Amino acid sequence: MGKKKTKQPSSYTSESYATSSSAYDDSQIKKDLEQTRNQSLTLKDQLDSIFDHYEKQSVKLMQVEKDLNDKEIELNRKESDLAKKEETLKQEEERIKKEFEEETKEIVKDLKEREERIFNLETKLSPSTTIETKLGKNQVVKLNVGGKIFATNLVTLKSVNDTFFTGYFNDLFNPTAEEDDNSFFIDRPNEQFHLILNYLRGIDISSKLSSLNEHDLNDFIEEIVYYQLTPIYEILPINGKKILKSKYSIDCGYKVEFDAKYCSSNIQMDSSTRVRGIHIYNGQPYAGVLGTSTNLFKVKLISNCTDLYIGFAPRTMQLDRLHYPSGYFLNTRKGVIFSNAGFGINYFGRKIEDGSIIECELKDGKISYKINGSQNGTAFTGVPNNPELYPAFSFNPNNGPVFEFIND
């Protein structure tokens, strides 16, 4: 028999187990520590995040608190301002109330004084002291105007309201007559006073005014302005109205216009100041038109005015017939003049072109023309005052002339 093998003991002894178990525990501990460390880091990150959020919220809360404080300060300031304004308004109200009371007292005092003065005046103005009583039954007034005596009725002098005379012959003014001749003295020029009296008497003085020369018309206008006789402004001749406007800045608003009642059927009125001739087949070869009353007018030749007659004529002028016998005219074709005293008399001596401005004036029985601002002298003399003459125009309508008044 062979030798019996001896069994070797196992190498995995308790010692090696202990060693192996210890190694396992260390590894597990390391894992646990690592896990714990990771958990700690995660927790730290969470805590940091929570802390950051808290800090941000704290900053926001602090800003909100600051804003609220600022608003509180602003509200307190506004409240203080309102209180000051309220106090100022209260003081202003008291001041106004005090001033109103003082002014009311003054007004009441003034009214009482006026009532007393009126009472005293009414007491003085007994029937024996009024103007009417002083003048007697016939109410005749003697006026000494610049040393010349005029006599008229008190009603005549006061026939136009709001004039020098209504103010002068007033019971409150109470004028005193001169002792020697019982006249009322007015220290003014007397040369034109008769015209003023005639106007107050209801007499038409317009033709007289038209015949005044420039010097006398100036004097007359000065007097009517002084006596405040404004209704006379309307009946002044056009040159008088120009004086009134340039010297006294009073504008009567008068303008020369064509009169539709004295206008041929073959004339078209484009406006109240512009007309044109129109061609009518088998119509009249002549056309005429008159203007409104004036002793001075300007007319502009617009177009086709190669054979236009310009001047003055009465309203009896036959508008569709030859005009020579009844009027006074300047012809634009050759610059010659026509009237019942003569036909085709040389005056301007040449054709008057379209675009020209012709001024025609009737004064002191004479008619004269200005052409484009140049005075050409007297064309007609011995022109009668009666019948009244008006701006007049005659022409062949088939030529289609267009012309217009110019009112400066």
Protein backbone atom coordinates (compact mmCIF):
# COMPACT_ATOMS: atom_id res chain seq x y z
CA MET A 1 0.00 0.00 0.00
CA GLY A 2 1.25 3.32 -0.71
CA LYS A 3 1.71 6.05 1.78
CA LYS A 4 -1.46 7.73 2.96
CA LYS A 5 -1.61 11.42 1.84
CA THR A 6 -1.87 13.91 4.61
CA LYS A 7 -4.74 16.63 4.07
CA GLN A 8 -3.37 20.19 3.87
CA PRO A 9 -5.07 22.73 6.05
CA SER A 10 -7.19 25.49 4.23
CA SER A 11 -5.47 28.83 3.75
CA TYR A 12 -8.79 30.78 4.62
CA THR A 13 -8.27 30.98 8.29
CA SER A 14 -10.05 33.20 10.81
CA GLU A 15 -7.20 35.58 10.59
CA SER A 16 -7.61 36.02 6.91
CA TYR A 17 -11.37 36.43 7.38
CA ALA A 18 -10.82 39.12 9.88
CA THR A 19 -8.49 40.85 7.53
CA SER A 20 -10.97 40.56 4.68
CA SER A 21 -13.84 41.76 6.84
CA SER A 22 -11.86 44.77 7.99
CA ALA A 23 -11.10 45.70 4.40
CA TYR A 24 -14.79 45.55 3.56
CA ASP A 25 -15.74 47.76 6.47
CA ASP A 26 -13.21 50.42 5.48
CA SER A 27 -14.50 50.47 1.95
CA GLN A 28 -18.08 50.76 3.10
CA ILE A 29 -17.18 53.47 5.53
CA LYS A 30 -15.46 55.37 2.76
CA LYS A 31 -18.52 55.00 0.61
CA ASP A 32 -20.74 56.14 3.43
CA LEU A 33 -18.45 59.05 4.16
CA GLU A 34 -18.41 59.99 0.50
CA GLN A 35 -22.17 59.75 0.35
CA THR A 36 -22.46 61.76 3.54
CA ARG A 37 -20.03 64.31 2.14
CA ASN A 38 -22.06 64.57 -1.06
CA GLN A 39 -25.25 64.91 0.90
CA SER A 40 -23.59 67.61 2.98
CA LEU A 41 -22.52 69.46 -0.14
CA THR A 42 -26.02 69.17 -1.59
CA LEU A 43 -27.48 70.41 1.66
CA LYS A 44 -24.95 73.25 1.71
CA ASP A 45 -25.90 74.23 -1.84
CA GLN A 46 -29.54 74.20 -0.85
CA LEU A 47 -28.79 76.28 2.22
CA ASP A 48 -26.75 78.70 0.11
CA SER A 49 -29.60 78.98 -2.37
CA ILE A 50 -32.08 79.57 0.45
CA PHE A 51 -29.78 82.18 1.94
CA ASP A 52 -29.35 83.95 -1.42
CA HIS A 53 -33.11 83.99 -1.90
CA TYR A 54 -33.53 85.34 1.60
CA GLU A 55 -30.97 88.06 0.95
CA LYS A 56 -32.68 89.07 -2.29
CA GLN A 57 -36.07 89.18 -0.59
CA SER A 58 -34.52 91.19 2.22
CA VAL A 59 -33.17 93.72 -0.31
CA LYS A 60 -36.60 93.94 -1.97
CA LEU A 61 -38.29 94.39 1.37
CA MET A 62 -35.81 97.11 2.27
CA GLN A 63 -36.49 98.88 -1.07
CA VAL A 64 -40.25 98.59 -0.54
CA GLU A 65 -39.80 99.97 2.95
CA LYS A 66 -37.70 102.83 1.55
CA ASP A 67 -40.31 103.58 -1.15
CA LEU A 68 -43.03 103.61 1.46
CA ASN A 69 -40.99 105.96 3.61
CA ASP A 70 -40.38 108.26 0.60
CA LYS A 71 -44.09 108.25 -0.24
CA GLU A 72 -44.92 109.01 3.35
CA ILE A 73 -42.48 111.94 3.28
CA GLU A 74 -43.98 113.19 -0.03
CA LEU A 75 -47.52 112.87 1.32
CA ASN A 76 -46.52 114.74 4.44
CA ARG A 77 -44.97 117.48 2.27
CA LYS A 78 -48.08 117.75 0.10
CA GLU A 79 -50.26 117.81 3.17
CA SER A 80 -48.12 120.63 4.53
CA ASP A 81 -48.33 122.53 1.20
CA LEU A 82 -52.10 122.09 1.09
CA ALA A 83 -52.37 123.35 4.62
CA LYS A 84 -50.30 126.42 3.67
CA LYS A 85 -52.40 127.03 0.55
CA GLU A 86 -55.58 126.62 2.54
CA GLU A 87 -54.29 129.19 4.98
CA THR A 88 -53.30 131.54 2.13
CA LEU A 89 -56.73 131.17 0.50
CA LYS A 90 -58.39 131.84 3.80
CA GLN A 91 -56.34 135.00 4.25
CA GLU A 92 -57.09 136.07 0.63
CA GLU A 93 -60.80 135.43 1.19
CA GLU A 94 -60.73 137.58 4.29
CA ARG A 95 -58.83 140.33 2.42
CA ILE A 96 -61.29 140.32 -0.51
CA LYS A 97 -64.23 140.31 1.86
CA LYS A 98 -62.78 143.26 3.71
CA GLU A 99 -62.08 145.18 0.47
CA PHE A 100 -65.58 144.42 -0.81
CA GLU A 101 -67.11 145.74 2.37
CA GLU A 102 -64.99 148.89 2.15
CA GLU A 103 -65.83 149.41 -1.56
CA THR A 104 -69.51 148.84 -0.85
CA LYS A 105 -69.36 151.51 1.81
CA GLU A 106 -67.68 153.89 -0.68
CA ILE A 107 -70.28 153.16 -3.38
CA VAL A 108 -73.13 153.71 -0.97
CA LYS A 109 -71.51 156.93 0.16
CA ASP A 110 -71.00 158.06 -3.47
CA LEU A 111 -74.61 157.23 -4.37
CA LYS A 112 -75.86 159.26 -1.45
CA GLU A 113 -73.69 162.20 -2.51
CA ARG A 114 -74.97 161.94 -6.10
CA GLU A 115 -78.56 161.77 -4.97
CA GLU A 116 -77.95 164.87 -2.92
CA ARG A 117 -76.38 166.71 -5.88
CA ILE A 118 -79.24 165.68 -8.19
CA PHE A 119 -81.74 166.84 -5.63
CA ASN A 120 -79.96 170.20 -5.36
CA LEU A 121 -79.89 170.56 -9.17
CA GLU A 122 -83.55 169.68 -9.49
CA THR A 123 -84.29 172.22 -6.82
CA LYS A 124 -82.36 174.88 -8.74
CA LEU A 125 -83.96 173.93 -12.07
CA SER A 126 -87.34 175.26 -11.35
CA PRO A 127 -89.59 176.07 -14.38
CA SER A 128 -88.40 179.67 -14.27
CA THR A 129 -84.76 178.69 -14.92
CA THR A 130 -85.01 176.19 -17.83
CA ILE A 131 -83.70 177.10 -21.31
CA GLU A 132 -87.21 177.00 -22.75
CA THR A 133 -88.48 179.45 -20.15
CA LYS A 134 -85.57 181.83 -20.67
CA LEU A 135 -86.12 181.95 -24.43
CA GLY A 136 -89.77 182.87 -24.15
CA LYS A 137 -92.81 181.79 -26.11
CA ASN A 138 -91.25 181.60 -29.61
CA GLN A 139 -88.09 179.76 -28.46
CA VAL A 140 -85.90 181.91 -30.73
CA VAL A 141 -82.17 181.56 -30.17
CA LYS A 142 -79.70 184.28 -31.14
CA LEU A 143 -76.19 182.97 -31.77
CA ASN A 144 -73.13 185.18 -31.94
CA VAL A 145 -70.75 183.02 -33.97
CA GLY A 146 -67.36 184.68 -34.25
CA GLY A 147 -68.97 188.15 -34.14
CA LYS A 148 -71.84 187.47 -36.58
CA ILE A 149 -75.43 187.10 -35.37
CA PHE A 150 -77.56 184.14 -36.48
CA ALA A 151 -81.13 183.51 -35.35
CA THR A 152 -83.01 180.24 -35.33
CA ASN A 153 -85.36 178.12 -33.26
CA LEU A 154 -84.20 176.00 -30.31
CA VAL A 155 -85.95 172.96 -31.80
CA THR A 156 -83.93 173.46 -35.00
CA LEU A 157 -80.64 173.56 -33.10
CA LYS A 158 -81.55 170.38 -31.22
CA SER A 159 -83.01 168.55 -34.24
CA VAL A 160 -79.96 166.25 -34.48
CA ASN A 161 -79.11 164.22 -31.38
CA ASP A 162 -75.75 164.13 -29.62
CA THR A 163 -74.25 167.30 -31.10
CA PHE A 164 -72.54 170.38 -29.69
CA PHE A 165 -75.91 172.16 -29.65
CA THR A 166 -77.80 169.48 -27.70
CA GLY A 167 -75.02 169.58 -25.13
CA TYR A 168 -74.73 173.38 -25.04
CA PHE A 169 -78.44 174.13 -24.82
CA ASN A 170 -79.01 171.80 -21.93
CA ASP A 171 -80.63 172.65 -18.61
CA LEU A 172 -77.71 171.12 -16.73
CA PHE A 173 -75.17 173.22 -18.68
CA ASN A 174 -77.44 176.27 -18.37
CA PRO A 175 -75.70 178.68 -20.80
CA THR A 176 -75.94 182.39 -20.17
CA ALA A 177 -76.88 184.89 -22.88
CA GLU A 178 -74.95 188.15 -23.38
CA GLU A 179 -76.55 191.05 -21.53
CA ASP A 180 -76.32 193.60 -24.36
CA ASP A 181 -78.05 191.63 -27.15
CA ASN A 182 -79.31 188.47 -25.42
CA SER A 183 -77.22 186.27 -27.76
CA PHE A 184 -75.23 183.15 -26.97
CA PHE A 185 -71.59 183.57 -27.96
CA ILE A 186 -69.73 180.75 -29.75
CA ASP A 187 -66.08 181.48 -30.48
CA ARG A 188 -65.86 179.81 -33.89
CA PRO A 189 -65.47 180.93 -37.55
CA ASN A 190 -68.77 181.98 -39.11
CA GLU A 191 -68.11 181.73 -42.88
CA GLN A 192 -69.75 178.29 -43.28
CA PHE A 193 -72.17 178.46 -40.35
CA HIS A 194 -75.14 179.34 -42.58
CA LEU A 195 -74.77 175.94 -44.29
CA ILE A 196 -74.84 174.21 -40.92
CA LEU A 197 -78.00 176.09 -39.91
CA ASN A 198 -79.68 175.27 -43.22
CA TYR A 199 -78.91 171.59 -42.74
CA LEU A 200 -80.47 171.70 -39.26
CA ARG A 201 -83.50 173.43 -40.80
CA GLY A 202 -83.98 170.41 -43.07
CA ILE A 203 -82.67 172.06 -46.24
CA ASP A 204 -80.69 169.93 -48.74
CA ILE A 205 -77.19 171.43 -48.83
CA SER A 206 -75.48 168.66 -50.84
CA SER A 207 -75.29 170.70 -54.08
CA LYS A 208 -73.87 173.65 -52.14
CA LEU A 209 -71.21 171.41 -50.66
CA SER A 210 -70.27 170.07 -54.10
CA SER A 211 -69.68 173.62 -55.33
CA LEU A 212 -67.35 174.59 -52.47
CA ASN A 213 -63.71 175.05 -53.38
CA GLU A 214 -61.06 173.00 -51.60
CA HIS A 215 -60.29 175.70 -49.00
CA ASP A 216 -63.93 176.33 -48.07
CA LEU A 217 -64.71 172.61 -48.00
CA ASN A 218 -61.82 172.08 -45.58
CA ASP A 219 -63.15 174.86 -43.34
CA PHE A 220 -66.69 173.47 -43.48
CA ILE A 221 -65.53 169.97 -42.54
CA GLU A 222 -63.53 171.37 -39.62
CA GLU A 223 -66.71 173.04 -38.31
CA ILE A 224 -68.99 170.00 -38.64
CA VAL A 225 -66.40 167.90 -36.82
CA TYR A 226 -66.28 170.53 -34.04
CA TYR A 227 -70.09 170.71 -33.80
CA GLN A 228 -70.27 166.88 -33.95
CA LEU A 229 -72.78 166.93 -36.82
CA THR A 230 -71.96 163.40 -37.96
CA PRO A 231 -75.01 162.95 -40.27
CA ILE A 232 -73.53 165.59 -42.59
CA TYR A 233 -70.58 163.26 -43.22
CA GLU A 234 -72.81 161.11 -45.43
CA ILE A 235 -73.74 163.95 -47.82
CA LEU A 236 -70.22 165.29 -48.28
CA PRO A 237 -68.85 165.09 -51.84
CA ILE A 238 -66.30 162.35 -52.34
CA ASN A 239 -63.34 164.74 -52.04
CA GLY A 240 -64.84 165.94 -48.74
CA LYS A 241 -65.00 162.37 -47.49
CA LYS A 242 -61.35 161.95 -48.44
CA ILE A 243 -60.51 165.04 -46.36
CA LEU A 244 -62.53 163.61 -43.48
CA LYS A 245 -60.60 160.33 -43.68
CA SER A 246 -57.10 161.74 -44.19
CA LYS A 247 -57.33 164.66 -41.74
CA TYR A 248 -59.59 163.25 -39.02
CA SER A 249 -59.32 159.47 -39.59
CA ILE A 250 -63.11 159.27 -40.04
CA ASP A 251 -64.15 156.73 -42.68
CA CYS A 252 -67.68 157.14 -44.07
CA GLY A 253 -67.38 153.97 -46.12
CA TYR A 254 -68.72 155.64 -49.28
CA LYS A 255 -67.81 154.31 -52.70
CA VAL A 256 -68.79 155.21 -56.24
CA GLU A 257 -70.76 152.43 -57.97
CA PHE A 258 -72.59 151.86 -61.22
CA ASP A 259 -76.33 152.48 -60.98
CA ALA A 260 -78.25 149.44 -62.21
CA LYS A 261 -81.35 151.61 -62.73
CA TYR A 262 -79.46 153.66 -65.34
CA CYS A 263 -77.73 150.93 -67.33
CA SER A 264 -78.34 149.71 -70.90
CA SER A 265 -79.54 146.16 -71.42
CA ASN A 266 -76.42 145.32 -73.44
CA ILE A 267 -74.14 146.08 -70.52
CA GLN A 268 -73.21 143.37 -68.04
CA MET A 269 -72.45 144.39 -64.44
CA ASP A 270 -69.72 142.03 -63.20
CA SER A 271 -69.95 143.79 -59.84
CA SER A 272 -71.22 147.08 -58.48
CA THR A 273 -67.98 148.72 -59.63
CA ARG A 274 -67.14 146.81 -62.85
CA VAL A 275 -69.06 146.60 -66.15
CA ARG A 276 -68.52 145.19 -69.64
CA GLY A 277 -70.22 145.64 -72.98
CA ILE A 278 -71.85 142.55 -74.50
CA HIS A 279 -72.63 141.92 -78.15
CA ILE A 280 -76.32 141.53 -78.96
CA TYR A 281 -77.20 140.61 -82.55
CA ASN A 282 -79.24 143.40 -84.16
CA GLY A 283 -78.95 145.27 -80.86
CA GLN A 284 -78.41 148.99 -80.37
CA PRO A 285 -74.98 150.26 -81.51
CA TYR A 286 -74.66 152.40 -78.38
CA ALA A 287 -74.72 151.60 -74.69
CA GLY A 288 -74.57 153.83 -71.64
CA VAL A 289 -74.37 153.61 -67.87
CA LEU A 290 -74.42 156.15 -65.03
CA GLY A 291 -72.71 156.05 -61.65
CA THR A 292 -73.93 157.04 -58.20
CA SER A 293 -73.81 160.68 -57.15
CA THR A 294 -70.33 162.18 -56.81
CA ASN A 295 -68.32 165.09 -58.12
CA LEU A 296 -65.08 163.12 -58.30
CA PHE A 297 -64.40 159.60 -59.52
CA LYS A 298 -61.63 157.36 -60.85
CA VAL A 299 -62.06 154.72 -63.51
CA LYS A 300 -59.60 152.09 -64.76
CA LEU A 301 -59.63 150.89 -68.36
CA ILE A 302 -59.36 147.10 -68.11
CA SER A 303 -59.63 145.93 -71.74
CA ASN A 304 -61.03 146.88 -75.18
CA CYS A 305 -61.64 150.49 -74.11
CA THR A 306 -60.47 151.94 -77.42
CA ASP A 307 -63.61 154.04 -77.98
CA LEU A 308 -64.99 154.82 -74.52
CA TYR A 309 -66.62 158.14 -73.57
CA ILE A 310 -66.04 159.19 -69.94
CA GLY A 311 -67.53 162.16 -68.11
CA PHE A 312 -70.68 163.57 -66.49
CA ALA A 313 -74.31 163.60 -67.64
CA PRO A 314 -77.79 164.01 -66.12
CA ARG A 315 -80.12 161.09 -65.55
CA THR A 316 -82.12 162.22 -68.58
CA MET A 317 -79.26 161.01 -70.80
CA GLN A 318 -80.51 158.55 -73.43
CA LEU A 319 -78.42 155.50 -72.67
CA ASP A 320 -78.81 153.85 -76.10
CA ARG A 321 -78.40 157.00 -78.19
CA LEU A 322 -75.68 159.52 -79.00
CA HIS A 323 -74.73 161.19 -75.74
CA TYR A 324 -73.24 164.49 -76.98
CA PRO A 325 -76.20 166.82 -76.45
CA SER A 326 -76.71 166.03 -72.79
CA GLY A 327 -73.30 165.34 -71.28
CA TYR A 328 -69.61 166.17 -71.08
CA PHE A 329 -67.22 163.46 -72.24
CA LEU A 330 -63.58 162.61 -72.94
CA ASN A 331 -63.08 160.02 -75.70
CA THR A 332 -60.28 157.47 -75.31
CA ARG A 333 -59.71 156.93 -79.05
CA LYS A 334 -57.98 160.25 -79.73
CA GLY A 335 -58.16 162.05 -76.39
CA VAL A 336 -60.73 164.56 -77.66
CA ILE A 337 -63.76 165.97 -75.79
CA PHE A 338 -67.46 166.17 -76.66
CA SER A 339 -70.35 168.24 -75.29
CA ASN A 340 -73.27 170.28 -76.57
CA ALA A 341 -70.76 173.10 -77.00
CA GLY A 342 -68.60 171.22 -79.49
CA PHE A 343 -67.55 167.83 -80.84
CA GLY A 344 -64.07 166.37 -81.21
CA ILE A 345 -62.19 169.24 -79.56
CA ASN A 346 -58.56 168.37 -78.87
CA TYR A 347 -57.77 167.89 -75.17
CA PHE A 348 -55.35 165.05 -74.40
CA GLY A 349 -54.21 164.74 -78.00
CA ARG A 350 -53.59 161.00 -78.24
CA LYS A 351 -55.10 157.59 -77.61
CA ILE A 352 -55.61 156.55 -73.99
CA GLU A 353 -54.45 152.95 -73.62
CA ASP A 354 -56.00 150.07 -71.68
CA GLY A 355 -54.61 149.91 -68.15
CA SER A 356 -54.81 153.68 -67.76
CA ILE A 357 -56.52 155.31 -64.77
CA ILE A 358 -58.64 158.37 -65.51
CA GLU A 359 -59.80 160.73 -62.78
CA CYS A 360 -62.70 163.06 -63.55
CA GLU A 361 -63.72 165.99 -61.32
CA LEU A 362 -66.62 168.45 -61.44
CA LYS A 363 -65.98 171.55 -59.32
CA ASP A 364 -66.94 175.23 -59.49
CA GLY A 365 -68.71 174.69 -62.82
CA LYS A 366 -65.63 173.12 -64.39
CA ILE A 367 -64.78 169.57 -65.43
CA SER A 368 -61.16 168.44 -65.50
CA TYR A 369 -59.33 165.15 -66.01
CA LYS A 370 -56.22 163.46 -64.63
CA ILE A 371 -54.76 160.69 -66.75
CA ASN A 372 -52.45 158.27 -64.95
CA GLY A 373 -51.96 160.84 -62.19
CA SER A 374 -51.05 163.69 -64.54
CA GLN A 375 -53.33 166.75 -64.41
CA ASN A 376 -54.43 167.68 -67.91
CA GLY A 377 -56.24 170.91 -67.01
CA THR A 378 -59.82 172.10 -67.48
CA ALA A 379 -61.81 170.39 -70.22
CA PHE A 380 -65.19 172.13 -69.77
CA THR A 381 -66.28 175.41 -68.18
CA GLY A 382 -69.67 176.92 -67.45
CA VAL A 383 -71.14 173.58 -66.41
CA PRO A 384 -74.54 174.29 -64.79
CA ASN A 385 -75.52 173.05 -61.32
CA ASN A 386 -78.97 172.04 -62.49
CA PRO A 387 -79.81 169.35 -63.41
CA GLU A 388 -77.51 167.29 -61.20
CA LEU A 389 -74.79 165.48 -63.13
CA TYR A 390 -73.59 161.93 -62.50
CA PRO A 391 -70.59 159.87 -63.66
CA ALA A 392 -71.47 158.81 -67.22
CA PHE A 393 -70.05 156.38 -69.78
CA SER A 394 -71.02 155.68 -73.39
CA PHE A 395 -69.56 153.19 -75.88
CA ASN A 396 -70.18 150.61 -78.59
CA PRO A 397 -70.96 147.41 -76.64
CA ASN A 398 -69.90 145.19 -79.54
CA ASN A 399 -66.28 146.13 -78.80
CA GLY A 400 -66.66 144.41 -75.42
CA PRO A 401 -65.01 147.11 -73.28
CA VAL A 402 -64.38 146.34 -69.60
CA PHE A 403 -63.76 149.12 -67.06
CA GLU A 404 -64.24 149.72 -63.35
CA PHE A 405 -64.47 152.39 -60.68
CA ILE A 406 -61.54 152.71 -58.30
CA ASN A 407 -62.43 153.71 -54.74
CA ASP A 408 -59.24 154.64 -52.88
